[in-house]
Amino acid sequence: MPDHFVALTRRALAATALTLAAVTPAPAQQAAGDPLPSWRDGQTKRAIQSLIGRVTRPGTRHFVAPTERVAVFDNDGTLWVEHPMYTQFAFAIDRLKEMTQRDPALLANPVLKAAVDGDMRVVMAAGERGLAEIIAVTHTGMSQDAFNSIATQWLANARHPRFNRPYTQLIYQPMLEAMRLLRREGFAVWIVTGGGQEFVRAFSGPTYNVPIAQVVGSVGKTEFRLLPDGKSELFRLPAIEAVDDGPGKPVGIGRFIGRRPIIAFGNSDGDIEMLQYATTSPGPRLGLFVHHDDAVREYAYDRETHVGKLDRGLTLAPAAGWRLISMRNDWLRIFPGS
């Protein structure tokens, strides 16, 4: 996901009809003790379990000490739904609508007005500059604590336009199971996202059981301020500190995690470098792309989309040994409770 806005809003701020087999319930052969019950028995599921088994078996040449076991997950499109727009962009639009009600003068800006009116053609035509304006207006000019409160409140009340459920309920059950299995086997599980780091931290704990200290994302600049009443705050500035997308993801991993991942999950071209960083080191490694190919239960898209494009990744995957996780074929269910 190429530009700064996509990184901040995607991963949030750098179809044909399917067969009934795609929506059948879990078959009887799914054992009660299966740690991945929402995954169909197949090559992808076996590859994940095999990788975990190889690096956690003491006394073997591929054994990796628990302190070195790192798993990384992109967020948008990898852990939760990202269509029809990145969740953080939906947040920005809703916040902008509230702000223009209080301050109609903001509508003098044609890009902001187009965003409020839902005219995405004008917004996209403005390019990175226009998109950055939306982020600057809606995400800065406040303390970090105030932003966290606004984001948390929005997540509690916003509903997805298609599924009419909170965004934090539109998370992928199979990925939750993969994260749980990895933790059980001694892996540190990190989210490495192109989305805004603080936005993702607002829900990562209760939603994914990933503590805020294990979220790496795109970061806007902040400054420390000592207030007249003796209190202090971090104040959000309209500038970007780091974009955690594309080649920025390995940089973020190196800066905040300090170890190469053994297993990496992504879904778009913005995750290519993260998968390369994870899988080009010696020893057992695994890189996987979630492939959105289920228009009935979720969405179907890859090469031709402005949100979550998987184009180069599809081309590179076979030679790189990366696996495609087919939503349609590998997942028995997509969302919790579905």
Protein backbone atom coordinates (compact mmCIF):
# COMPACT_ATOMS: atom_id res chain seq x y z
CA MET A 1 0.00 0.00 0.00
CA PRO A 2 2.01 2.77 -1.41
CA ASP A 3 1.43 6.25 0.00
CA HIS A 4 1.63 7.85 3.43
CA PHE A 5 -2.14 8.07 3.80
CA VAL A 6 -2.64 4.44 2.96
CA ALA A 7 0.01 3.55 5.51
CA LEU A 8 -1.77 5.59 8.17
CA THR A 9 -5.28 4.45 7.37
CA ARG A 10 -4.74 0.99 6.21
CA ARG A 11 -2.66 -0.92 8.02
CA ALA A 12 -4.55 2.28 8.25
CA LEU A 13 -2.22 6.07 8.05
CA ALA A 14 1.48 4.88 5.27
CA ALA A 15 -17.17 -12.12 -7.76
CA THR A 16 -18.54 -14.85 -8.73
CA ALA A 17 -20.97 -17.01 -6.81
CA LEU A 18 -19.25 -19.59 -4.64
CA THR A 19 -20.13 -23.19 -4.07
CA LEU A 20 -22.02 -24.28 -1.00
CA ALA A 21 -18.88 -26.05 0.14
CA ALA A 22 -17.39 -22.68 1.04
CA VAL A 23 -19.92 -22.08 3.78
CA THR A 24 -20.45 -25.51 5.26
CA PRO A 25 -19.95 -25.89 9.01
CA ALA A 26 -16.96 -27.56 10.56
CA PRO A 27 -16.89 -31.26 9.62
CA ALA A 28 -17.11 -33.99 12.21
CA GLN A 29 -13.48 -34.97 11.72
CA GLN A 30 -12.38 -31.73 13.37
CA ALA A 31 -11.06 -33.14 16.62
CA ALA A 32 -12.09 -31.52 19.87
CA GLY A 33 -8.44 -30.85 20.64
CA ASP A 34 -7.68 -29.21 17.30
CA PRO A 35 -5.98 -25.86 18.03
CA LEU A 36 -7.11 -24.53 14.62
CA PRO A 37 -10.73 -25.65 14.39
CA SER A 38 -11.78 -22.91 11.97
CA TRP A 39 -9.18 -24.01 9.42
CA ARG A 40 -9.89 -26.72 6.87
CA ASP A 41 -7.48 -29.61 6.93
CA GLY A 42 -5.13 -28.86 4.05
CA GLN A 43 -1.66 -27.76 3.04
CA THR A 44 -1.90 -24.29 4.56
CA LYS A 45 -3.01 -25.46 7.98
CA ARG A 46 -0.42 -28.24 7.94
CA ALA A 47 2.33 -25.80 6.95
CA ILE A 48 1.58 -23.60 9.97
CA GLN A 49 1.50 -26.55 12.35
CA SER A 50 4.61 -28.07 10.81
CA LEU A 51 6.59 -24.85 11.16
CA ILE A 52 5.59 -24.50 14.80
CA GLY A 53 6.45 -28.14 15.49
CA ARG A 54 9.89 -27.91 13.91
CA VAL A 55 11.05 -24.89 15.90
CA THR A 56 9.60 -25.93 19.26
CA ARG A 57 10.84 -29.53 19.44
CA PRO A 58 13.73 -29.65 21.95
CA GLY A 59 16.86 -31.52 20.96
CA THR A 60 16.40 -31.05 17.21
CA ARG A 61 18.61 -28.95 14.97
CA HIS A 62 15.81 -26.50 14.17
CA PHE A 63 14.84 -25.88 17.78
CA VAL A 64 14.48 -22.17 18.58
CA ALA A 65 14.58 -20.94 22.16
CA PRO A 66 11.34 -19.30 23.32
CA THR A 67 13.07 -15.94 23.68
CA GLU A 68 13.76 -16.00 19.92
CA ARG A 69 10.29 -17.04 18.75
CA VAL A 70 8.58 -14.10 17.09
CA ALA A 71 5.41 -14.06 15.00
CA VAL A 72 4.17 -10.92 13.23
CA PHE A 73 0.75 -10.10 11.84
CA ASP A 74 -0.35 -7.23 9.65
CA ASN A 75 -3.72 -5.84 10.77
CA ASP A 76 -5.95 -4.46 7.98
CA GLY A 77 -7.09 -7.32 5.77
CA THR A 78 -5.01 -9.80 7.77
CA LEU A 79 -6.71 -9.70 11.15
CA TRP A 80 -9.92 -7.80 10.35
CA VAL A 81 -12.00 -6.57 7.45
CA GLU A 82 -10.58 -3.71 5.36
CA HIS A 83 -13.25 -3.22 2.66
CA PRO A 84 -14.95 -1.10 1.45
CA MET A 85 -12.41 1.21 3.08
CA TYR A 86 -9.74 0.95 5.74
CA THR A 87 -11.34 1.16 9.15
CA GLN A 88 -9.14 4.06 10.18
CA PHE A 89 -10.28 6.01 7.12
CA ALA A 90 -13.92 5.34 8.10
CA PHE A 91 -13.00 6.72 11.53
CA ALA A 92 -11.44 9.81 9.93
CA ILE A 93 -14.52 10.47 7.78
CA ASP A 94 -16.92 10.12 10.71
CA ARG A 95 -14.76 12.37 12.85
CA LEU A 96 -14.57 14.93 10.05
CA LYS A 97 -18.37 15.00 9.79
CA GLU A 98 -18.60 15.74 13.51
CA MET A 99 -15.94 18.43 13.28
CA THR A 100 -17.61 20.23 10.36
CA GLN A 101 -20.88 20.36 12.26
CA ARG A 102 -19.09 22.31 14.98
CA ASP A 103 -16.96 24.30 12.55
CA PRO A 104 -18.64 24.65 9.11
CA ALA A 105 -15.70 26.78 7.92
CA LEU A 106 -13.79 23.53 7.39
CA LEU A 107 -16.07 22.86 4.41
CA ALA A 108 -14.38 25.68 2.53
CA ASN A 109 -11.65 23.14 1.83
CA PRO A 110 -12.91 21.23 -1.26
CA VAL A 111 -11.21 17.97 -0.24
CA LEU A 112 -12.74 18.02 3.23
CA LYS A 113 -16.14 18.86 1.77
CA ALA A 114 -15.87 16.01 -0.73
CA ALA A 115 -14.96 13.60 2.08
CA VAL A 116 -17.98 14.69 4.12
CA ASP A 117 -20.22 14.38 1.05
CA GLY A 118 -18.86 10.91 0.29
CA ASP A 119 -17.35 11.96 -3.04
CA MET A 120 -14.29 9.73 -2.95
CA ARG A 121 -13.40 10.52 -6.55
CA VAL A 122 -12.52 14.09 -5.57
CA VAL A 123 -10.68 12.89 -2.47
CA MET A 124 -8.59 10.39 -4.44
CA ALA A 125 -7.94 12.91 -7.21
CA ALA A 126 -6.34 15.18 -4.62
CA GLY A 127 -3.70 12.50 -4.10
CA GLU A 128 -1.47 12.26 -1.08
CA ARG A 129 -1.83 15.95 -0.28
CA GLY A 130 -5.60 15.80 0.05
CA LEU A 131 -5.59 12.58 2.01
CA ALA A 132 -2.95 13.96 4.36
CA GLU A 133 -5.18 16.97 4.97
CA ILE A 134 -7.96 14.71 6.21
CA ILE A 135 -5.61 12.92 8.57
CA ALA A 136 -4.08 16.18 9.81
CA VAL A 137 -7.48 17.66 10.61
CA THR A 138 -8.95 14.57 12.28
CA HIS A 139 -5.95 13.00 14.01
CA THR A 140 -3.89 15.92 15.34
CA GLY A 141 -4.21 19.10 17.35
CA MET A 142 -5.02 17.21 20.55
CA SER A 143 -3.31 15.25 23.27
CA GLN A 144 -2.53 11.58 22.81
CA ASP A 145 -4.92 10.77 25.66
CA ALA A 146 -7.72 12.70 23.96
CA PHE A 147 -7.14 10.88 20.68
CA ASN A 148 -7.18 7.51 22.44
CA SER A 149 -10.51 8.38 24.05
CA ILE A 150 -12.03 9.51 20.73
CA ALA A 151 -10.85 6.39 18.90
CA THR A 152 -12.07 4.07 21.67
CA GLN A 153 -15.50 5.69 21.72
CA TRP A 154 -15.81 5.49 17.93
CA LEU A 155 -14.87 1.81 17.90
CA ALA A 156 -17.54 1.12 20.52
CA ASN A 157 -20.29 2.73 18.43
CA ALA A 158 -19.37 2.51 14.73
CA ARG A 159 -20.87 -0.21 12.55
CA HIS A 160 -19.59 -1.69 9.31
CA PRO A 161 -21.80 -0.61 6.36
CA ARG A 162 -22.29 -4.14 5.01
CA PHE A 163 -22.28 -6.36 8.10
CA ASN A 164 -23.84 -3.87 10.55
CA ARG A 165 -21.56 -5.09 13.31
CA PRO A 166 -18.84 -3.30 15.29
CA TYR A 167 -15.52 -3.39 13.46
CA THR A 168 -13.96 -5.16 16.42
CA GLN A 169 -16.34 -8.07 15.82
CA LEU A 170 -15.27 -8.34 12.18
CA ILE A 171 -12.00 -10.01 13.07
CA TYR A 172 -10.93 -13.29 11.53
CA GLN A 173 -11.56 -16.25 13.79
CA PRO A 174 -8.93 -18.45 12.08
CA MET A 175 -6.28 -15.82 12.73
CA LEU A 176 -7.29 -15.52 16.38
CA GLU A 177 -6.76 -19.27 16.63
CA ALA A 178 -3.35 -19.01 14.95
CA MET A 179 -2.30 -16.28 17.38
CA ARG A 180 -3.50 -18.34 20.34
CA LEU A 181 -1.61 -21.42 19.14
CA LEU A 182 1.58 -19.44 18.62
CA ARG A 183 1.37 -17.96 22.12
CA ARG A 184 0.77 -21.41 23.57
CA GLU A 185 3.97 -22.58 21.87
CA GLY A 186 6.07 -19.78 23.31
CA PHE A 187 5.95 -17.21 20.50
CA ALA A 188 5.78 -13.49 21.13
CA VAL A 189 2.92 -12.28 18.90
CA TRP A 190 3.25 -8.79 17.43
CA ILE A 191 1.05 -6.67 15.21
CA VAL A 192 3.08 -4.84 12.56
CA THR A 193 0.71 -2.55 10.71
CA GLY A 194 0.77 0.29 8.22
CA GLY A 195 -2.12 1.77 10.16
CA GLY A 196 -1.76 4.35 12.87
CA GLN A 197 0.02 2.80 15.83
CA GLU A 198 -2.10 4.56 18.45
CA PHE A 199 -5.34 3.78 16.61
CA VAL A 200 -4.55 0.07 16.62
CA ARG A 201 -3.39 0.18 20.22
CA ALA A 202 -6.84 1.48 21.15
CA PHE A 203 -8.31 -1.98 20.55
CA SER A 204 -5.44 -4.48 20.23
CA GLY A 205 -5.66 -5.74 23.81
CA PRO A 206 -9.35 -6.61 24.17
CA THR A 207 -9.73 -7.57 20.50
CA TYR A 208 -6.61 -9.67 19.79
CA ASN A 209 -5.06 -10.13 23.23
CA VAL A 210 -2.02 -8.24 21.92
CA PRO A 211 -0.72 -5.70 24.45
CA ILE A 212 -0.07 -2.16 23.25
CA ALA A 213 3.68 -2.66 23.71
CA GLN A 214 3.53 -5.30 20.96
CA VAL A 215 1.93 -3.08 18.32
CA VAL A 216 4.20 -1.46 15.74
CA GLY A 217 2.56 0.97 13.33
CA SER A 218 2.83 4.25 11.49
CA VAL A 219 3.51 7.07 13.90
CA GLY A 220 2.69 10.76 13.79
CA LYS A 221 4.94 13.25 15.50
CA THR A 222 4.18 14.26 19.06
CA GLU A 223 5.76 16.69 21.48
CA PHE A 224 5.87 16.83 25.24
CA ARG A 225 4.01 19.72 26.83
CA LEU A 226 3.97 20.81 30.46
CA LEU A 227 0.63 22.47 31.11
CA PRO A 228 -0.02 25.53 33.32
CA ASP A 229 -1.82 23.37 35.90
CA GLY A 230 1.30 21.26 36.35
CA LYS A 231 0.02 18.30 34.34
CA SER A 232 1.74 17.11 31.19
CA GLU A 233 0.75 15.57 27.88
CA LEU A 234 1.96 14.31 24.55
CA PHE A 235 0.49 16.59 21.88
CA ARG A 236 -0.19 15.24 18.41
CA LEU A 237 1.36 17.29 15.59
CA PRO A 238 0.36 17.36 11.88
CA ALA A 239 3.49 15.57 10.70
CA ILE A 240 4.58 11.97 10.19
CA GLU A 241 7.36 10.42 12.26
CA ALA A 242 7.53 6.98 10.61
CA VAL A 243 5.56 5.05 8.00
CA ASP A 244 5.33 1.38 8.90
CA ASP A 245 4.48 0.08 5.47
CA GLY A 246 6.41 -1.63 2.68
CA PRO A 247 10.14 -1.35 3.48
CA GLY A 248 9.20 0.52 6.64
CA LYS A 249 7.91 -2.70 8.20
CA PRO A 250 11.30 -4.43 8.54
CA VAL A 251 12.70 -1.15 9.85
CA GLY A 252 9.96 -1.05 12.48
CA ILE A 253 10.55 -4.70 13.35
CA GLY A 254 14.24 -4.08 13.82
CA ARG A 255 13.66 -0.97 15.89
CA PHE A 256 10.96 -2.27 18.22
CA ILE A 257 11.22 -6.08 18.20
CA GLY A 258 14.92 -6.60 17.57
CA ARG A 259 14.53 -10.12 16.17
CA ARG A 260 13.58 -11.51 12.78
CA PRO A 261 10.15 -13.13 12.79
CA ILE A 262 9.96 -16.87 12.26
CA ILE A 263 6.46 -16.58 10.82
CA ALA A 264 4.82 -13.56 9.19
CA PHE A 265 1.21 -13.04 8.08
CA GLY A 266 0.17 -10.31 5.65
CA ASN A 267 -2.36 -9.74 2.91
CA SER A 268 -1.12 -7.06 0.55
CA ASP A 269 1.84 -5.72 -1.38
CA GLY A 270 2.59 -3.50 1.60
CA ASP A 271 3.59 -6.65 3.47
CA ILE A 272 6.08 -7.97 0.90
CA GLU A 273 9.18 -6.63 2.61
CA MET A 274 8.01 -7.94 5.98
CA LEU A 275 7.64 -11.43 4.53
CA GLN A 276 11.01 -11.12 2.81
CA TYR A 277 12.65 -10.08 6.07
CA ALA A 278 11.09 -13.03 7.87
CA THR A 279 11.77 -15.74 5.31
CA THR A 280 15.21 -14.94 3.90
CA SER A 281 17.05 -15.88 7.08
CA PRO A 282 18.41 -19.40 7.81
CA GLY A 283 16.27 -22.03 9.47
CA PRO A 284 12.57 -22.88 9.16
CA ARG A 285 10.57 -19.80 8.23
CA LEU A 286 7.09 -19.20 6.89
CA GLY A 287 5.43 -16.29 5.14
CA LEU A 288 1.72 -16.22 4.38
CA PHE A 289 -0.71 -13.92 2.57
CA VAL A 290 -4.41 -13.89 3.40
CA HIS A 291 -6.07 -14.05 -0.03
CA HIS A 292 -9.48 -12.42 -0.12
CA ASP A 293 -11.33 -14.70 -2.51
CA ASP A 294 -14.68 -15.12 -0.77
CA ALA A 295 -17.24 -12.58 -1.97
CA VAL A 296 -20.09 -14.40 -0.24
CA ARG A 297 -18.80 -14.40 3.33
CA GLU A 298 -16.45 -11.41 3.06
CA TYR A 299 -14.95 -9.82 -0.09
CA ALA A 300 -13.06 -10.95 -3.19
CA TYR A 301 -10.17 -8.79 -4.40
CA ASP A 302 -6.45 -8.91 -5.11
CA ARG A 303 -4.73 -7.24 -8.07
CA GLU A 304 -7.45 -4.74 -9.01
CA THR A 305 -8.34 -2.80 -5.89
CA HIS A 306 -7.42 0.47 -4.21
CA VAL A 307 -7.72 -1.11 -0.77
CA GLY A 308 -5.45 -4.01 0.14
CA LYS A 309 -3.95 -4.63 -3.29
CA LEU A 310 -2.20 -7.98 -3.64
CA ASP A 311 -0.49 -7.83 -7.03
CA ARG A 312 3.29 -8.12 -6.75
CA GLY A 313 2.78 -10.43 -3.79
CA LEU A 314 0.83 -12.89 -5.92
CA THR A 315 3.61 -12.84 -8.49
CA LEU A 316 6.44 -13.26 -5.98
CA ALA A 317 4.81 -15.84 -3.71
CA PRO A 318 5.56 -19.07 -5.62
CA ALA A 319 9.30 -18.47 -6.00
CA ALA A 320 9.57 -17.10 -2.45
CA GLY A 321 7.79 -20.11 -0.98
CA TRP A 322 5.05 -17.95 0.58
CA ARG A 323 1.67 -19.55 1.06
CA LEU A 324 -1.69 -18.08 0.13
CA ILE A 325 -4.40 -18.50 2.74
CA SER A 326 -7.60 -18.87 0.74
CA MET A 327 -10.55 -17.50 2.68
CA ARG A 328 -12.85 -19.57 0.53
CA ASN A 329 -10.99 -22.87 0.75
CA ASP A 330 -8.91 -22.73 3.94
CA TRP A 331 -11.36 -21.15 6.38
CA LEU A 332 -14.45 -22.94 7.66
CA ARG A 333 -15.69 -19.70 9.13
CA ILE A 334 -14.45 -16.14 8.95
CA PHE A 335 -15.83 -14.10 11.85
CA PRO A 336 -16.38 -15.18 15.46
CA GLY A 337 -19.90 -16.44 15.90
CA SER A 338 -20.47 -16.86 12.17
